[in-house]
């Protein structure tokens, strides 16, 4: 019984990835704060990396290809997040807020 729980398989990684993706999606759909939206998008990207690594390992039984793909995706994700944070910083300097509703009301 205990050994069955300790054997981590593909389904465990997929469930973790699904939970992370749904958490990020929930954060994107619900949050009005743009900084939280960017963090939620980053969480969704990390869940896709977990998916790539899990499928890469269980389909190919080597971590080389999965690691190369995941490092490439993580680098792209970090670059996108840095660019988004710089844009959010400029928006905050101009509007003194990161709340999307307040910024939308101010422009109208």
N, C-alpha and C. Protein backbone atom coordinates (compact mmCIF):
# COMPACT_ATOMS: atom_id res chain seq x y z
N UNK A 1 0.83 -1.20 0.00
CA UNK A 1 0.00 0.00 0.00
C UNK A 1 0.86 1.25 0.00
N UNK A 2 1.83 1.29 0.91
CA UNK A 2 2.69 2.48 0.99
C UNK A 2 3.59 2.59 -0.23
N UNK A 3 4.07 1.47 -0.73
CA UNK A 3 4.94 1.52 -1.91
C UNK A 3 4.17 2.01 -3.13
N UNK A 4 2.87 1.73 -3.20
CA UNK A 4 2.07 2.23 -4.31
C UNK A 4 1.92 3.75 -4.24
N UNK A 5 1.88 4.29 -3.05
CA UNK A 5 1.78 5.74 -2.89
C UNK A 5 3.10 6.44 -3.17
N UNK A 6 4.21 5.76 -2.94
CA UNK A 6 5.51 6.37 -3.13
C UNK A 6 6.00 6.30 -4.57
N UNK A 7 5.40 5.46 -5.40
CA UNK A 7 5.77 5.40 -6.81
C UNK A 7 5.10 6.56 -7.54
N UNK A 8 5.91 7.53 -7.90
CA UNK A 8 5.38 8.70 -8.57
C UNK A 8 5.40 8.45 -10.08
N UNK A 9 4.27 8.55 -10.70
CA UNK A 9 4.16 8.28 -12.12
C UNK A 9 3.76 9.51 -12.90
N UNK A 10 3.47 9.29 -14.15
CA UNK A 10 3.10 10.38 -15.05
C UNK A 10 1.82 11.06 -14.59
N UNK A 11 0.88 10.31 -14.08
CA UNK A 11 -0.40 10.89 -13.65
C UNK A 11 -0.21 11.90 -12.52
N UNK A 12 0.73 11.64 -11.63
CA UNK A 12 0.99 12.58 -10.53
C UNK A 12 1.48 13.93 -11.07
N UNK A 13 2.39 13.88 -12.04
CA UNK A 13 2.91 15.11 -12.62
C UNK A 13 1.82 15.84 -13.40
N UNK A 14 0.98 15.10 -14.08
CA UNK A 14 -0.10 15.73 -14.84
C UNK A 14 -1.13 16.37 -13.92
N UNK A 15 -1.41 15.74 -12.80
CA UNK A 15 -2.34 16.32 -11.83
C UNK A 15 -1.75 17.59 -11.22
N UNK A 16 -0.45 17.56 -10.89
CA UNK A 16 0.21 18.76 -10.37
C UNK A 16 0.18 19.88 -11.40
N UNK A 17 0.46 19.54 -12.64
CA UNK A 17 0.45 20.53 -13.70
C UNK A 17 -0.95 21.10 -13.91
N UNK A 18 -1.96 20.25 -13.85
CA UNK A 18 -3.34 20.71 -14.00
C UNK A 18 -3.73 21.65 -12.86
N UNK A 19 -3.35 21.31 -11.64
CA UNK A 19 -3.67 22.16 -10.50
C UNK A 19 -3.00 23.52 -10.64
N UNK A 20 -1.72 23.52 -11.03
CA UNK A 20 -1.02 24.79 -11.22
C UNK A 20 -1.64 25.60 -12.35
N UNK A 21 -1.98 24.93 -13.46
CA UNK A 21 -2.56 25.65 -14.59
C UNK A 21 -3.91 26.25 -14.22
N UNK A 22 -4.74 25.49 -13.53
CA UNK A 22 -6.06 26.01 -13.14
C UNK A 22 -5.94 27.14 -12.12
N UNK A 23 -4.93 27.05 -11.24
CA UNK A 23 -4.69 28.14 -10.29
C UNK A 23 -4.30 29.41 -11.03
N UNK A 24 -3.41 29.27 -12.01
CA UNK A 24 -3.02 30.43 -12.81
C UNK A 24 -4.16 30.98 -13.63
N UNK A 25 -4.96 30.11 -14.22
CA UNK A 25 -6.11 30.55 -15.01
C UNK A 25 -7.12 31.27 -14.13
N UNK A 26 -7.36 30.74 -12.94
CA UNK A 26 -8.26 31.39 -11.99
C UNK A 26 -7.73 32.78 -11.62
N UNK A 27 -6.42 32.89 -11.42
CA UNK A 27 -5.82 34.19 -11.10
C UNK A 27 -5.94 35.18 -12.24
N UNK A 28 -5.80 34.71 -13.47
CA UNK A 28 -5.92 35.61 -14.62
C UNK A 28 -7.36 36.08 -14.78
N UNK A 29 -8.31 35.18 -14.61
CA UNK A 29 -9.71 35.54 -14.84
C UNK A 29 -10.30 36.39 -13.72
N UNK A 30 -9.85 36.19 -12.50
CA UNK A 30 -10.48 36.85 -11.36
C UNK A 30 -9.79 38.17 -10.97
N UNK A 31 -8.48 38.21 -11.08
CA UNK A 31 -7.72 39.34 -10.54
C UNK A 31 -7.89 40.60 -11.37
N UNK A 32 -8.05 41.72 -10.68
CA UNK A 32 -8.07 43.02 -11.34
C UNK A 32 -6.69 43.65 -11.35
N UNK A 33 -5.85 43.22 -10.43
CA UNK A 33 -4.50 43.76 -10.34
C UNK A 33 -3.64 43.15 -11.43
N UNK A 34 -2.97 43.99 -12.19
CA UNK A 34 -2.19 43.51 -13.33
C UNK A 34 -0.94 42.75 -12.89
N UNK A 35 -0.39 43.07 -11.74
CA UNK A 35 0.77 42.34 -11.25
C UNK A 35 0.40 40.90 -10.91
N UNK A 36 -0.75 40.71 -10.29
CA UNK A 36 -1.23 39.35 -10.01
C UNK A 36 -1.51 38.59 -11.30
N UNK A 37 -1.96 39.28 -12.31
CA UNK A 37 -2.22 38.64 -13.60
C UNK A 37 -0.92 38.14 -14.21
N UNK A 38 0.14 38.94 -14.14
CA UNK A 38 1.44 38.53 -14.67
C UNK A 38 1.97 37.34 -13.88
N UNK A 39 1.83 37.35 -12.56
CA UNK A 39 2.29 36.22 -11.76
C UNK A 39 1.48 34.96 -12.08
N UNK A 40 0.19 35.12 -12.33
CA UNK A 40 -0.65 33.97 -12.69
C UNK A 40 -0.24 33.40 -14.04
N UNK A 41 0.11 34.26 -14.98
CA UNK A 41 0.60 33.78 -16.27
C UNK A 41 1.91 33.02 -16.12
N UNK A 42 2.76 33.48 -15.21
CA UNK A 42 4.02 32.78 -14.95
C UNK A 42 3.75 31.39 -14.35
N UNK A 43 2.79 31.30 -13.46
CA UNK A 43 2.42 29.99 -12.88
C UNK A 43 1.91 29.06 -13.97
N UNK A 44 1.12 29.59 -14.90
CA UNK A 44 0.64 28.77 -16.00
C UNK A 44 1.80 28.29 -16.88
N UNK A 45 2.80 29.12 -17.08
CA UNK A 45 3.97 28.72 -17.87
C UNK A 45 4.77 27.64 -17.17
N UNK A 46 4.90 27.74 -15.86
CA UNK A 46 5.61 26.71 -15.10
C UNK A 46 4.88 25.38 -15.20
N UNK A 47 3.56 25.43 -15.22
CA UNK A 47 2.81 24.17 -15.35
C UNK A 47 3.04 23.52 -16.71
N UNK A 48 3.20 24.31 -17.75
CA UNK A 48 3.51 23.73 -19.06
C UNK A 48 4.91 23.12 -19.07
N UNK A 49 5.85 23.73 -18.35
CA UNK A 49 7.20 23.17 -18.26
C UNK A 49 7.16 21.82 -17.54
N UNK A 50 6.37 21.72 -16.49
CA UNK A 50 6.23 20.44 -15.78
C UNK A 50 5.65 19.39 -16.73
N UNK A 51 4.68 19.79 -17.54
CA UNK A 51 4.12 18.87 -18.54
C UNK A 51 5.18 18.39 -19.52
N UNK A 52 5.97 19.31 -20.06
CA UNK A 52 7.01 18.94 -21.02
C UNK A 52 8.03 17.99 -20.40
N UNK A 53 8.46 18.27 -19.18
CA UNK A 53 9.45 17.41 -18.54
C UNK A 53 8.86 16.03 -18.26
N UNK A 54 7.63 15.99 -17.79
CA UNK A 54 7.00 14.70 -17.48
C UNK A 54 6.84 13.85 -18.74
N UNK A 55 6.29 14.44 -19.79
CA UNK A 55 6.12 13.68 -21.02
C UNK A 55 7.46 13.33 -21.65
N UNK A 56 8.43 14.24 -21.57
CA UNK A 56 9.74 13.96 -22.13
C UNK A 56 10.42 12.80 -21.44
N UNK A 57 10.27 12.72 -20.14
CA UNK A 57 10.91 11.63 -19.41
C UNK A 57 10.18 10.30 -19.61
N UNK A 58 8.85 10.33 -19.53
CA UNK A 58 8.11 9.07 -19.61
C UNK A 58 7.98 8.53 -21.04
N UNK A 59 8.12 9.38 -22.03
CA UNK A 59 8.04 8.89 -23.42
C UNK A 59 9.41 8.50 -23.95
N UNK A 60 10.47 9.20 -23.53
CA UNK A 60 11.79 8.97 -24.09
C UNK A 60 12.74 8.29 -23.09
N UNK A 61 12.39 8.28 -21.82
CA UNK A 61 13.19 7.71 -20.74
C UNK A 61 14.56 8.37 -20.57
N UNK A 62 14.74 9.52 -21.17
CA UNK A 62 15.96 10.30 -20.93
C UNK A 62 15.51 11.71 -20.58
N UNK A 63 16.32 12.35 -19.77
CA UNK A 63 15.97 13.71 -19.36
C UNK A 63 16.62 14.77 -20.23
N UNK A 64 17.46 14.37 -21.19
CA UNK A 64 18.20 15.35 -21.98
C UNK A 64 17.28 16.23 -22.82
N UNK A 65 16.42 15.61 -23.60
CA UNK A 65 15.52 16.38 -24.45
C UNK A 65 14.51 17.18 -23.63
N UNK A 66 13.99 16.58 -22.59
CA UNK A 66 13.02 17.28 -21.75
C UNK A 66 13.67 18.46 -21.04
N UNK A 67 14.90 18.29 -20.59
CA UNK A 67 15.58 19.40 -19.92
C UNK A 67 15.88 20.53 -20.88
N UNK A 68 16.29 20.21 -22.10
CA UNK A 68 16.58 21.27 -23.07
C UNK A 68 15.32 22.07 -23.39
N UNK A 69 14.22 21.38 -23.59
CA UNK A 69 12.98 22.08 -23.90
C UNK A 69 12.52 22.91 -22.71
N UNK A 70 12.61 22.35 -21.52
CA UNK A 70 12.13 23.07 -20.34
C UNK A 70 12.99 24.29 -20.03
N UNK A 71 14.30 24.18 -20.19
CA UNK A 71 15.17 25.34 -19.96
C UNK A 71 14.87 26.42 -20.99
N UNK A 72 14.66 26.05 -22.23
CA UNK A 72 14.32 27.02 -23.27
C UNK A 72 13.00 27.72 -22.94
N UNK A 73 11.99 26.96 -22.54
CA UNK A 73 10.70 27.56 -22.21
C UNK A 73 10.81 28.45 -20.98
N UNK A 74 11.56 28.01 -19.97
CA UNK A 74 11.72 28.84 -18.77
C UNK A 74 12.45 30.14 -19.08
N UNK A 75 13.45 30.10 -19.93
CA UNK A 75 14.16 31.33 -20.30
C UNK A 75 13.21 32.28 -21.01
N UNK A 76 12.42 31.77 -21.95
CA UNK A 76 11.44 32.63 -22.63
C UNK A 76 10.41 33.19 -21.65
N UNK A 77 9.98 32.38 -20.72
CA UNK A 77 8.99 32.83 -19.74
C UNK A 77 9.56 33.91 -18.83
N UNK A 78 10.79 33.74 -18.40
CA UNK A 78 11.41 34.75 -17.54
C UNK A 78 11.60 36.06 -18.30
N UNK A 79 11.99 35.98 -19.55
CA UNK A 79 12.14 37.20 -20.35
C UNK A 79 10.80 37.90 -20.53
N UNK A 80 9.76 37.14 -20.82
CA UNK A 80 8.43 37.73 -20.96
C UNK A 80 7.96 38.37 -19.65
N UNK A 81 8.24 37.71 -18.54
CA UNK A 81 7.83 38.25 -17.24
C UNK A 81 8.59 39.53 -16.92
N UNK A 82 9.87 39.58 -17.24
CA UNK A 82 10.66 40.80 -16.99
C UNK A 82 10.12 41.94 -17.83
N UNK A 83 9.82 41.69 -19.09
CA UNK A 83 9.27 42.73 -19.95
C UNK A 83 7.91 43.20 -19.43
N UNK A 84 7.08 42.27 -19.00
CA UNK A 84 5.76 42.64 -18.45
C UNK A 84 5.91 43.46 -17.18
N UNK A 85 6.87 43.11 -16.32
CA UNK A 85 7.07 43.88 -15.10
C UNK A 85 7.58 45.28 -15.38
N UNK A 86 8.43 45.44 -16.38
CA UNK A 86 8.89 46.77 -16.76
C UNK A 86 7.73 47.61 -17.29
N UNK A 87 6.88 47.00 -18.10
CA UNK A 87 5.70 47.71 -18.60
C UNK A 87 4.77 48.09 -17.45
N UNK A 88 4.57 47.17 -16.51
CA UNK A 88 3.72 47.47 -15.35
C UNK A 88 4.32 48.58 -14.49
N UNK A 89 5.64 48.62 -14.38
CA UNK A 89 6.28 49.69 -13.62
C UNK A 89 6.03 51.04 -14.28
N UNK A 90 6.11 51.09 -15.59
CA UNK A 90 5.84 52.35 -16.30
C UNK A 90 4.36 52.74 -16.15
N UNK A 91 3.46 51.77 -16.20
CA UNK A 91 2.04 52.06 -15.99
C UNK A 91 1.81 52.58 -14.58
N UNK A 92 2.49 51.98 -13.59
CA UNK A 92 2.33 52.43 -12.21
C UNK A 92 2.87 53.86 -12.04
N UNK A 93 3.97 54.17 -12.70
CA UNK A 93 4.51 55.53 -12.61
C UNK A 93 3.54 56.55 -13.19
N UNK A 94 2.85 56.17 -14.26
CA UNK A 94 1.94 57.11 -14.90
C UNK A 94 0.60 57.23 -14.18
N UNK A 95 0.12 56.14 -13.58
CA UNK A 95 -1.24 56.12 -13.03
C UNK A 95 -1.32 55.97 -11.52
N UNK A 96 -0.21 55.69 -10.85
CA UNK A 96 -0.17 55.48 -9.40
C UNK A 96 -1.03 54.31 -8.94
N UNK A 97 -1.36 53.40 -9.85
CA UNK A 97 -2.16 52.23 -9.51
C UNK A 97 -1.95 51.16 -10.58
N UNK A 98 -2.14 49.90 -10.15
CA UNK A 98 -2.09 48.79 -11.10
C UNK A 98 -3.44 48.11 -11.23
N UNK A 99 -4.47 48.71 -10.66
CA UNK A 99 -5.82 48.17 -10.76
C UNK A 99 -6.38 48.49 -12.14
N UNK A 100 -6.74 47.46 -12.89
CA UNK A 100 -7.19 47.66 -14.28
C UNK A 100 -8.45 48.50 -14.35
N UNK A 101 -9.35 48.35 -13.40
CA UNK A 101 -10.60 49.12 -13.42
C UNK A 101 -10.34 50.62 -13.22
N UNK A 102 -9.43 50.96 -12.30
CA UNK A 102 -9.12 52.38 -12.06
C UNK A 102 -8.44 53.00 -13.27
N UNK A 103 -7.56 52.25 -13.91
CA UNK A 103 -6.86 52.77 -15.09
C UNK A 103 -7.85 52.94 -16.24
N UNK A 104 -8.77 52.00 -16.39
CA UNK A 104 -9.77 52.09 -17.45
C UNK A 104 -10.69 53.30 -17.21
N UNK A 105 -11.09 53.53 -15.96
CA UNK A 105 -11.96 54.65 -15.62
C UNK A 105 -11.24 55.98 -15.82
N UNK A 106 -9.94 56.00 -15.55
CA UNK A 106 -9.16 57.23 -15.68
C UNK A 106 -9.03 57.64 -17.15
N UNK A 107 -8.93 56.66 -18.04
CA UNK A 107 -8.78 56.95 -19.47
C UNK A 107 -10.08 57.40 -20.09
N UNK A 108 -11.22 57.00 -19.56
CA UNK A 108 -12.52 57.35 -20.16
C UNK A 108 -12.88 58.78 -19.94
